[in-house]
Amino acid sequence: MQFEIRGHVCCTPEIYSDGIDKDTKERRLSWNRAKTVFYYLSSKKISKNRMSYQGCGNKFPLGKGDNLDRRVEFLITKI
């Protein structure tokens, strides 16, 4: 099985597509969220060849509150 890890953010002004990561000061918070999960899973012996990651920014809000938009999702891409 292969899968994609997708990071999301909430609460960003419409003129920006992503949030600011407090650690790096870059506007790549969703990307950094996904990357962190990617490297965590690889440290648990899940092959990097089975995974990919991307930051989706604020493009896909759930519309159910900010807490649910601060998330990471897994999308199965190949079985």
PDB file of N, CA and C in Angstrom:
ATOM      1  N   MET A   1       0.841  -1.177   0.000  1.00  0.00           N
ATOM      2  CA  MET A   1       0.000   0.000   0.000  1.00  0.00           C
ATOM      3  C   MET A   1       0.889   1.244   0.000  1.00  0.00           C
ATOM      4  N   GLN A   2       0.495   2.236  -0.772  1.00  0.00           N
ATOM      5  CA  GLN A   2       1.172   3.531  -0.786  1.00  0.00           C
ATOM      6  C   GLN A   2       0.172   4.602  -0.378  1.00  0.00           C
ATOM      7  N   PHE A   3       0.682   5.654   0.247  1.00  0.00           N
ATOM      8  CA  PHE A   3      -0.220   6.707   0.706  1.00  0.00           C
ATOM      9  C   PHE A   3       0.480   8.055   0.711  1.00  0.00           C
ATOM     10  N   GLU A   4      -0.357   9.075   0.681  1.00  0.00           N
ATOM     11  CA  GLU A   4       0.118  10.456   0.731  1.00  0.00           C
ATOM     12  C   GLU A   4      -0.319  11.067   2.052  1.00  0.00           C
ATOM     13  N   ILE A   5       0.581  11.801   2.678  1.00  0.00           N
ATOM     14  CA  ILE A   5       0.301  12.495   3.927  1.00  0.00           C
ATOM     15  C   ILE A   5       0.044  13.947   3.560  1.00  0.00           C
ATOM     16  N   ARG A   6      -1.130  14.459   3.945  1.00  0.00           N
ATOM     17  CA  ARG A   6      -1.510  15.825   3.582  1.00  0.00           C
ATOM     18  C   ARG A   6      -1.695  16.683   4.829  1.00  0.00           C
ATOM     19  N   GLY A   7      -0.938  17.758   4.896  1.00  0.00           N
ATOM     20  CA  GLY A   7      -1.064  18.695   6.003  1.00  0.00           C
ATOM     21  C   GLY A   7      -2.025  19.818   5.656  1.00  0.00           C
ATOM     22  N   HIS A   8      -2.767  20.294   6.655  1.00  0.00           N
ATOM     23  CA  HIS A   8      -3.748  21.368   6.477  1.00  0.00           C
ATOM     24  C   HIS A   8      -3.580  22.408   7.580  1.00  0.00           C
ATOM     25  N   VAL A   9      -4.091  23.607   7.336  1.00  0.00           N
ATOM     26  CA  VAL A   9      -4.074  24.677   8.338  1.00  0.00           C
ATOM     27  C   VAL A   9      -5.420  25.388   8.348  1.00  0.00           C
ATOM     28  N   CYS A  10      -5.612  26.183   9.380  1.00  0.00           N
ATOM     29  CA  CYS A  10      -6.802  27.031   9.468  1.00  0.00           C
ATOM     30  C   CYS A  10      -6.358  28.476   9.646  1.00  0.00           C
ATOM     31  N   CYS A  11      -7.310  29.346   9.719  1.00  0.00           N
ATOM     32  CA  CYS A  11      -7.124  30.706  10.247  1.00  0.00           C
ATOM     33  C   CYS A  11      -6.118  31.567   9.491  1.00  0.00           C
ATOM     34  N   THR A  12      -5.911  31.350   8.226  1.00  0.00           N
ATOM     35  CA  THR A  12      -4.997  32.219   7.484  1.00  0.00           C
ATOM     36  C   THR A  12      -5.816  33.208   6.664  1.00  0.00           C
ATOM     37  N   PRO A  13      -5.326  34.430   6.520  1.00  0.00           N
ATOM     38  CA  PRO A  13      -6.039  35.393   5.673  1.00  0.00           C
ATOM     39  C   PRO A  13      -6.163  34.856   4.248  1.00  0.00           C
ATOM     40  N   GLU A  14      -7.217  35.239   3.574  1.00  0.00           N
ATOM     41  CA  GLU A  14      -7.477  34.717   2.226  1.00  0.00           C
ATOM     42  C   GLU A  14      -6.349  35.004   1.245  1.00  0.00           C
ATOM     43  N   ILE A  15      -5.569  36.051   1.477  1.00  0.00           N
ATOM     44  CA  ILE A  15      -4.491  36.366   0.530  1.00  0.00           C
ATOM     45  C   ILE A  15      -3.317  35.404   0.658  1.00  0.00           C
ATOM     46  N   TYR A  16      -3.284  34.608   1.729  1.00  0.00           N
ATOM     47  CA  TYR A  16      -2.217  33.625   1.926  1.00  0.00           C
ATOM     48  C   TYR A  16      -2.790  32.223   1.813  1.00  0.00           C
ATOM     49  N   SER A  17      -2.002  31.317   1.273  1.00  0.00           N
ATOM     50  CA  SER A  17      -2.480  29.949   1.108  1.00  0.00           C
ATOM     51  C   SER A  17      -2.011  29.027   2.224  1.00  0.00           C
ATOM     52  N   ASP A  18      -1.114  29.510   3.097  1.00  0.00           N
ATOM     53  CA  ASP A  18      -0.595  28.651   4.155  1.00  0.00           C
ATOM     54  C   ASP A  18      -0.310  29.475   5.398  1.00  0.00           C
ATOM     55  N   GLY A  19      -0.162  28.796   6.518  1.00  0.00           N
ATOM     56  CA  GLY A  19       0.138  29.458   7.780  1.00  0.00           C
ATOM     57  C   GLY A  19       1.632  29.551   8.017  1.00  0.00           C
ATOM     58  N   ILE A  20       2.018  30.360   8.997  1.00  0.00           N
ATOM     59  CA  ILE A  20       3.428  30.539   9.331  1.00  0.00           C
ATOM     60  C   ILE A  20       3.823  29.524  10.396  1.00  0.00           C
ATOM     61  N   ASP A  21       4.902  28.801  10.133  1.00  0.00           N
ATOM     62  CA  ASP A  21       5.465  27.864  11.094  1.00  0.00           C
ATOM     63  C   ASP A  21       6.269  28.663  12.115  1.00  0.00           C
ATOM     64  N   LYS A  22       5.911  28.572  13.382  1.00  0.00           N
ATOM     65  CA  LYS A  22       6.585  29.362  14.419  1.00  0.00           C
ATOM     66  C   LYS A  22       8.050  28.979  14.578  1.00  0.00           C
ATOM     67  N   ASP A  23       8.410  27.736  14.259  1.00  0.00           N
ATOM     68  CA  ASP A  23       9.801  27.302  14.394  1.00  0.00           C
ATOM     69  C   ASP A  23      10.688  27.833  13.279  1.00  0.00           C
ATOM     70  N   THR A  24      10.211  27.772  12.041  1.00  0.00           N
ATOM     71  CA  THR A  24      11.041  28.169  10.900  1.00  0.00           C
ATOM     72  C   THR A  24      10.766  29.584  10.419  1.00  0.00           C
ATOM     73  N   LYS A  25       9.659  30.183  10.863  1.00  0.00           N
ATOM     74  CA  LYS A  25       9.222  31.523  10.440  1.00  0.00           C
ATOM     75  C   LYS A  25       8.852  31.568   8.958  1.00  0.00           C
ATOM     76  N   GLU A  26       8.650  30.415   8.350  1.00  0.00           N
ATOM     77  CA  GLU A  26       8.266  30.335   6.941  1.00  0.00           C
ATOM     78  C   GLU A  26       6.765  30.087   6.828  1.00  0.00           C
ATOM     79  N   ARG A  27       6.199  30.510   5.716  1.00  0.00           N
ATOM     80  CA  ARG A  27       4.780  30.286   5.457  1.00  0.00           C
ATOM     81  C   ARG A  27       4.614  28.918   4.790  1.00  0.00           C
ATOM     82  N   ARG A  28       4.949  27.866   5.542  1.00  0.00           N
ATOM     83  CA  ARG A  28       4.868  26.490   5.048  1.00  0.00           C
ATOM     84  C   ARG A  28       4.372  25.554   6.144  1.00  0.00           C
ATOM     85  N   LEU A  29       3.490  26.017   6.986  1.00  0.00           N
ATOM     86  CA  LEU A  29       3.061  25.226   8.138  1.00  0.00           C
ATOM     87  C   LEU A  29       2.432  23.897   7.724  1.00  0.00           C
ATOM     88  N   SER A  30       1.555  23.896   6.745  1.00  0.00           N
ATOM     89  CA  SER A  30       0.896  22.645   6.349  1.00  0.00           C
ATOM     90  C   SER A  30       1.913  21.654   5.782  1.00  0.00           C
ATOM     91  N   TRP A  31       2.865  22.144   5.021  1.00  0.00           N
ATOM     92  CA  TRP A  31       3.920  21.297   4.456  1.00  0.00           C
ATOM     93  C   TRP A  31       4.774  20.716   5.578  1.00  0.00           C
ATOM     94  N   ASN A  32       5.136  21.547   6.552  1.00  0.00           N
ATOM     95  CA  ASN A  32       5.950  21.069   7.670  1.00  0.00           C
ATOM     96  C   ASN A  32       5.197  20.058   8.531  1.00  0.00           C
ATOM     97  N   ARG A  33       3.895  20.226   8.681  1.00  0.00           N
ATOM     98  CA  ARG A  33       3.098  19.234   9.420  1.00  0.00           C
ATOM     99  C   ARG A  33       3.169  17.873   8.732  1.00  0.00           C
ATOM    100  N   ALA A  34       2.957  17.870   7.440  1.00  0.00           N
ATOM    101  CA  ALA A  34       2.985  16.615   6.690  1.00  0.00           C
ATOM    102  C   ALA A  34       4.381  15.997   6.721  1.00  0.00           C
ATOM    103  N   LYS A  35       5.398  16.812   6.569  1.00  0.00           N
ATOM    104  CA  LYS A  35       6.785  16.328   6.582  1.00  0.00           C
ATOM    105  C   LYS A  35       7.140  15.717   7.940  1.00  0.00           C
ATOM    106  N   THR A  36       6.683  16.319   9.019  1.00  0.00           N
ATOM    107  CA  THR A  36       6.953  15.794  10.359  1.00  0.00           C
ATOM    108  C   THR A  36       6.353  14.405  10.533  1.00  0.00           C
ATOM    109  N   VAL A  37       5.129  14.212  10.059  1.00  0.00           N
ATOM    110  CA  VAL A  37       4.490  12.897  10.145  1.00  0.00           C
ATOM    111  C   VAL A  37       5.235  11.898   9.267  1.00  0.00           C
ATOM    112  N   PHE A  38       5.639  12.320   8.077  1.00  0.00           N
ATOM    113  CA  PHE A  38       6.404  11.464   7.164  1.00  0.00           C
ATOM    114  C   PHE A  38       7.658  10.930   7.855  1.00  0.00           C
ATOM    115  N   TYR A  39       8.439  11.810   8.453  1.00  0.00           N
ATOM    116  CA  TYR A  39       9.683  11.380   9.091  1.00  0.00           C
ATOM    117  C   TYR A  39       9.434  10.591  10.379  1.00  0.00           C
ATOM    118  N   TYR A  40       8.362  10.884  11.075  1.00  0.00           N
ATOM    119  CA  TYR A  40       8.006  10.075  12.242  1.00  0.00           C
ATOM    120  C   TYR A  40       7.706   8.637  11.808  1.00  0.00           C
ATOM    121  N   LEU A  41       6.886   8.483  10.776  1.00  0.00           N
ATOM    122  CA  LEU A  41       6.539   7.138  10.310  1.00  0.00           C
ATOM    123  C   LEU A  41       7.760   6.406   9.766  1.00  0.00           C
ATOM    124  N   SER A  42       8.640   7.123   9.080  1.00  0.00           N
ATOM    125  CA  SER A  42       9.852   6.463   8.578  1.00  0.00           C
ATOM    126  C   SER A  42      10.750   6.030   9.739  1.00  0.00           C
ATOM    127  N   SER A  43      10.744   6.771  10.849  1.00  0.00           N
ATOM    128  CA  SER A  43      11.527   6.358  12.027  1.00  0.00           C
ATOM    129  C   SER A  43      10.945   5.104  12.672  1.00  0.00           C
ATOM    130  N   LYS A  44       9.684   4.813  12.374  1.00  0.00           N
ATOM    131  CA  LYS A  44       9.017   3.607  12.873  1.00  0.00           C
ATOM    132  C   LYS A  44       9.083   2.475  11.849  1.00  0.00           C
ATOM    133  N   LYS A  45      10.020   2.592  10.914  1.00  0.00           N
ATOM    134  CA  LYS A  45      10.330   1.546   9.920  1.00  0.00           C
ATOM    135  C   LYS A  45       9.306   1.410   8.804  1.00  0.00           C
ATOM    136  N   ILE A  46       8.532   2.441   8.542  1.00  0.00           N
ATOM    137  CA  ILE A  46       7.672   2.433   7.359  1.00  0.00           C
ATOM    138  C   ILE A  46       8.505   2.989   6.210  1.00  0.00           C
ATOM    139  N   SER A  47       8.567   2.243   5.125  1.00  0.00           N
ATOM    140  CA  SER A  47       9.427   2.604   4.001  1.00  0.00           C
ATOM    141  C   SER A  47       9.042   3.954   3.396  1.00  0.00           C
ATOM    142  N   LYS A  48      10.044   4.788   3.161  1.00  0.00           N
ATOM    143  CA  LYS A  48       9.806   6.084   2.516  1.00  0.00           C
ATOM    144  C   LYS A  48       9.282   5.912   1.093  1.00  0.00           C
ATOM    145  N   ASN A  49       9.554   4.759   0.487  1.00  0.00           N
ATOM    146  CA  ASN A  49       9.060   4.491  -0.867  1.00  0.00           C
ATOM    147  C   ASN A  49       7.546   4.318  -0.904  1.00  0.00           C
ATOM    148  N   ARG A  50       6.940   4.046   0.242  1.00  0.00           N
ATOM    149  CA  ARG A  50       5.486   3.862   0.312  1.00  0.00           C
ATOM    150  C   ARG A  50       4.749   5.160   0.580  1.00  0.00           C
ATOM    151  N   MET A  51       5.491   6.216   0.932  1.00  0.00           N
ATOM    152  CA  MET A  51       4.849   7.452   1.383  1.00  0.00           C
ATOM    153  C   MET A  51       5.289   8.644   0.546  1.00  0.00           C
ATOM    154  N   SER A  52       4.426   9.636   0.506  1.00  0.00           N
ATOM    155  CA  SER A  52       4.777  10.960  -0.009  1.00  0.00           C
ATOM    156  C   SER A  52       4.041  11.962   0.875  1.00  0.00           C
ATOM    157  N   TYR A  53       4.399  13.224   0.765  1.00  0.00           N
ATOM    158  CA  TYR A  53       3.710  14.229   1.575  1.00  0.00           C
ATOM    159  C   TYR A  53       3.576  15.529   0.813  1.00  0.00           C
ATOM    160  N   GLN A  54       2.572  16.297   1.208  1.00  0.00           N
ATOM    161  CA  GLN A  54       2.365  17.614   0.611  1.00  0.00           C
ATOM    162  C   GLN A  54       1.599  18.490   1.590  1.00  0.00           C
ATOM    163  N   GLY A  55       1.807  19.775   1.459  1.00  0.00           N
ATOM    164  CA  GLY A  55       1.052  20.743   2.245  1.00  0.00           C
ATOM    165  C   GLY A  55      -0.096  21.282   1.413  1.00  0.00           C
ATOM    166  N   CYS A  56      -1.281  21.239   1.956  1.00  0.00           N
ATOM    167  CA  CYS A  56      -2.465  21.720   1.242  1.00  0.00           C
ATOM    168  C   CYS A  56      -2.879  23.120   1.683  1.00  0.00           C
ATOM    169  N   GLY A  57      -2.203  23.655   2.691  1.00  0.00           N
ATOM    170  CA  GLY A  57      -2.543  24.993   3.158  1.00  0.00           C
ATOM    171  C   GLY A  57      -3.974  25.067   3.652  1.00  0.00           C
ATOM    172  N   ASN A  58      -4.662  26.129   3.260  1.00  0.00           N
ATOM    173  CA  ASN A  58      -6.052  26.333   3.694  1.00  0.00           C
ATOM    174  C   ASN A  58      -7.047  26.024   2.574  1.00  0.00           C
ATOM    175  N   LYS A  59      -6.641  25.234   1.586  1.00  0.00           N
ATOM    176  CA  LYS A  59      -7.478  24.975   0.408  1.00  0.00           C
ATOM    177  C   LYS A  59      -8.689  24.088   0.671  1.00  0.00           C
ATOM    178  N   PHE A  60      -8.628  23.251   1.712  1.00  0.00           N
ATOM    179  CA  PHE A  60      -9.687  22.263   1.934  1.00  0.00           C
ATOM    180  C   PHE A  60     -10.233  22.329   3.362  1.00  0.00           C
ATOM    181  N   PRO A  61     -10.867  23.440   3.731  1.00  0.00           N
ATOM    182  CA  PRO A  61     -11.436  23.506   5.086  1.00  0.00           C
ATOM    183  C   PRO A  61     -12.626  22.559   5.210  1.00  0.00           C
ATOM    184  N   LEU A  62     -12.792  22.011   6.396  1.00  0.00           N
ATOM    185  CA  LEU A  62     -13.922  21.117   6.637  1.00  0.00           C
ATOM    186  C   LEU A  62     -15.201  21.882   6.934  1.00  0.00           C
ATOM    187  N   GLY A  63     -15.071  23.143   7.329  1.00  0.00           N
ATOM    188  CA  GLY A  63     -16.244  23.948   7.643  1.00  0.00           C
ATOM    189  C   GLY A  63     -16.896  23.583   8.964  1.00  0.00           C
ATOM    190  N   LYS A  64     -16.134  22.945   9.840  1.00  0.00           N
ATOM    191  CA  LYS A  64     -16.675  22.513  11.132  1.00  0.00           C
ATOM    192  C   LYS A  64     -15.869  23.084  12.291  1.00  0.00           C
ATOM    193  N   GLY A  65     -15.186  24.187  12.057  1.00  0.00           N
ATOM    194  CA  GLY A  65     -14.402  24.809  13.118  1.00  0.00           C
ATOM    195  C   GLY A  65     -12.912  24.727  12.859  1.00  0.00           C
ATOM    196  N   ASP A  66     -12.215  25.693  13.424  1.00  0.00           N
ATOM    197  CA  ASP A  66     -10.778  25.800  13.194  1.00  0.00           C
ATOM    198  C   ASP A  66      -9.998  24.588  13.689  1.00  0.00           C
ATOM    199  N   ASN A  67     -10.398  24.015  14.813  1.00  0.00           N
ATOM    200  CA  ASN A  67      -9.650  22.882  15.358  1.00  0.00           C
ATOM    201  C   ASN A  67      -9.589  21.710  14.390  1.00  0.00           C
ATOM    202  N   LEU A  68     -10.642  21.491  13.631  1.00  0.00           N
ATOM    203  CA  LEU A  68     -10.652  20.381  12.679  1.00  0.00           C
ATOM    204  C   LEU A  68      -9.881  20.704  11.405  1.00  0.00           C
ATOM    205  N   ASP A  69      -9.622  21.972  11.160  1.00  0.00           N
ATOM    206  CA  ASP A  69      -8.837  22.341   9.984  1.00  0.00           C
ATOM    207  C   ASP A  69      -7.335  22.298  10.262  1.00  0.00           C
ATOM    208  N   ARG A  70      -6.950  22.204  11.509  1.00  0.00           N
ATOM    209  CA  ARG A  70      -5.543  21.992  11.883  1.00  0.00           C
ATOM    210  C   ARG A  70      -5.332  20.488  11.924  1.00  0.00           C
ATOM    211  N   ARG A  71      -4.980  19.905  10.784  1.00  0.00           N
ATOM    212  CA  ARG A  71      -4.988  18.451  10.721  1.00  0.00           C
ATOM    213  C   ARG A  71      -3.980  17.915   9.714  1.00  0.00           C
ATOM    214  N   VAL A  72      -3.779  16.607   9.798  1.00  0.00           N
ATOM    215  CA  VAL A  72      -3.020  15.847   8.810  1.00  0.00           C
ATOM    216  C   VAL A  72      -3.914  14.691   8.391  1.00  0.00           C
ATOM    217  N   GLU A  73      -4.001  14.461   7.093  1.00  0.00           N
ATOM    218  CA  GLU A  73      -4.821  13.367   6.564  1.00  0.00           C
ATOM    219  C   GLU A  73      -3.937  12.392   5.800  1.00  0.00           C
ATOM    220  N   PHE A  74      -4.416  11.164   5.696  1.00  0.00           N
ATOM    221  CA  PHE A  74      -3.743  10.138   4.912  1.00  0.00           C
ATOM    222  C   PHE A  74      -4.642   9.778   3.735  1.00  0.00           C
ATOM    223  N   LEU A  75      -4.081   9.821   2.539  1.00  0.00           N
ATOM    224  CA  LEU A  75      -4.813   9.464   1.330  1.00  0.00           C
ATOM    225  C   LEU A  75      -4.140   8.239   0.723  1.00  0.00           C
ATOM    226  N   ILE A  76      -4.863   7.139   0.653  1.00  0.00           N
ATOM    227  CA  ILE A  76      -4.315   5.923   0.050  1.00  0.00           C
ATOM    228  C   ILE A  76      -4.266   6.130  -1.455  1.00  0.00           C
ATOM    229  N   THR A  77      -3.089   5.956  -2.031  1.00  0.00           N
ATOM    230  CA  THR A  77      -2.901   6.200  -3.460  1.00  0.00           C
ATOM    231  C   THR A  77      -2.732   4.915  -4.268  1.00  0.00           C
ATOM    232  N   LYS A  78      -2.354   3.825  -3.598  1.00  0.00           N
ATOM    233  CA  LYS A  78      -2.173   2.561  -4.314  1.00  0.00           C
ATOM    234  C   LYS A  78      -2.287   1.411  -3.320  1.00  0.00           C
ATOM    235  N   ILE A  79      -3.059   0.410  -3.709  1.00  0.00           N
ATOM    236  CA  ILE A  79      -3.209  -0.783  -2.854  1.00  0.00           C
ATOM    237  C   ILE A  79      -2.424  -1.925  -3.457  1.00  0.00           C
TER     238      ILE A  79
END
